[in-house]
Amino acid sequence: MSYATERRSNPTAWAAFWVGLLGLILMPIPLFIGFFVGGGLSIVAAILVVIALFKGLARRGKGIAPVVFAAIFVLLTWGGISVGGGIVW
C-alpha cells in the first residue's frame, strides 16, 4: 500500500468515539432510562475501544486519539452511573 492510498483513520475508533459520546449524553436521563440506554451504549463503546486500540496499535498508533477520548467518555459514563446518573437524577 503506497503512502498516498494508505488510510490514516481508524473507523472502529470513530465508532467508539460517537457511541461513547452518545452514551455520555444520554446517561443523565432519569428513571432508569439513562442507566439502560447510556449504560448499554457505554458497554458497546468499551468493546469498540478495545478493538480499535488493537487495530491502532497494529497500525503503529494511527487513529489512537479517538480511542482515548472514547475511553474517557466510557469512564465518565460509568462514573456518572455509579453516583446515581440515570437512576435518581
Protein backbone atom coordinates (compact mmCIF):
# COMPACT_ATOMS: atom_id res chain seq x y z
CA MET A 1 0.00 0.00 0.00
CA SER A 2 1.53 3.28 -1.03
CA TYR A 3 1.63 6.36 1.13
CA ALA A 4 -0.99 8.14 -0.98
CA THR A 5 -3.56 5.34 -0.65
CA GLU A 6 -2.85 4.49 2.98
CA ARG A 7 -5.81 5.18 5.25
CA ARG A 8 -4.96 7.43 8.15
CA SER A 9 -8.14 6.99 10.17
CA ASN A 10 -9.42 4.14 12.28
CA PRO A 11 -13.17 3.68 11.61
CA THR A 12 -13.62 1.50 14.68
CA ALA A 13 -12.10 4.25 16.81
CA TRP A 14 -14.53 6.80 15.42
CA ALA A 15 -17.45 4.43 16.03
CA ALA A 16 -16.29 4.02 19.64
CA PHE A 17 -15.96 7.81 19.94
CA TRP A 18 -19.50 8.55 18.74
CA VAL A 19 -21.16 5.67 20.62
CA GLY A 20 -19.31 6.65 23.80
CA LEU A 21 -20.29 10.30 23.41
CA LEU A 22 -23.92 9.37 22.81
CA GLY A 23 -23.88 7.16 25.91
CA LEU A 24 -22.43 10.01 27.97
CA ILE A 25 -25.06 12.45 26.69
CA LEU A 26 -27.97 10.06 27.33
CA MET A 27 -26.77 8.84 30.74
CA PRO A 28 -28.40 11.62 32.86
CA ILE A 29 -31.97 10.77 31.75
CA PRO A 30 -33.79 9.80 34.99
CA LEU A 31 -35.98 6.82 35.90
CA PHE A 32 -33.51 4.14 34.78
CA ILE A 33 -33.79 5.21 31.13
CA GLY A 34 -30.30 6.72 31.19
CA PHE A 35 -28.99 3.74 33.11
CA PHE A 36 -30.08 1.27 30.46
CA VAL A 37 -29.61 3.41 27.35
CA GLY A 38 -26.45 5.29 28.34
CA GLY A 39 -25.00 2.31 30.19
CA GLY A 40 -25.72 -0.05 27.32
CA LEU A 41 -24.13 2.28 24.82
CA SER A 42 -21.10 2.69 27.06
CA ILE A 43 -20.64 -1.08 27.20
CA VAL A 44 -20.75 -1.23 23.40
CA ALA A 45 -18.30 1.67 23.26
CA ALA A 46 -15.95 -0.09 25.69
CA ILE A 47 -15.88 -3.16 23.45
CA LEU A 48 -15.23 -0.95 20.42
CA VAL A 49 -12.44 0.84 22.34
CA VAL A 50 -10.60 -2.43 22.92
CA ILE A 51 -10.98 -3.48 19.27
CA ALA A 52 -9.93 -0.03 17.99
CA LEU A 53 -6.97 0.09 20.34
CA PHE A 54 -5.61 -3.19 18.99
CA LYS A 55 -6.23 -2.04 15.41
CA GLY A 56 -4.48 1.27 16.10
CA LEU A 57 -1.50 -0.38 17.73
CA ALA A 58 -1.22 -2.81 14.81
CA ARG A 59 -1.07 0.24 12.50
CA ARG A 60 1.74 1.83 14.55
CA GLY A 61 -0.50 4.20 16.51
CA LYS A 62 -2.63 5.60 13.70
CA GLY A 63 -6.10 6.55 14.89
CA ILE A 64 -5.41 6.30 18.61
CA ALA A 65 -6.72 9.78 19.59
CA PRO A 66 -10.43 8.96 19.14
CA VAL A 67 -9.87 5.78 21.14
CA VAL A 68 -8.51 7.77 24.07
CA PHE A 69 -11.46 10.16 24.02
CA ALA A 70 -13.91 7.27 23.72
CA ALA A 71 -12.32 5.58 26.73
CA ILE A 72 -12.69 8.83 28.69
CA PHE A 73 -16.37 9.05 27.68
CA VAL A 74 -16.92 5.46 28.83
CA LEU A 75 -15.26 6.12 32.19
CA LEU A 76 -17.26 9.31 32.71
CA THR A 77 -20.48 7.47 31.90
CA TRP A 78 -19.69 4.67 34.34
CA GLY A 79 -18.67 7.21 36.97
CA GLY A 80 -21.91 9.12 36.46
CA ILE A 81 -23.98 5.95 36.76
CA SER A 82 -22.11 4.96 39.92
CA VAL A 83 -23.22 8.18 41.65
CA GLY A 84 -26.84 7.87 40.55
CA GLY A 85 -26.92 9.20 37.00
CA GLY A 86 -29.78 7.75 35.00
CA ILE A 87 -31.34 6.33 38.13
CA VAL A 88 -32.01 9.15 40.57
CA TRP A 89 -31.39 12.42 38.77
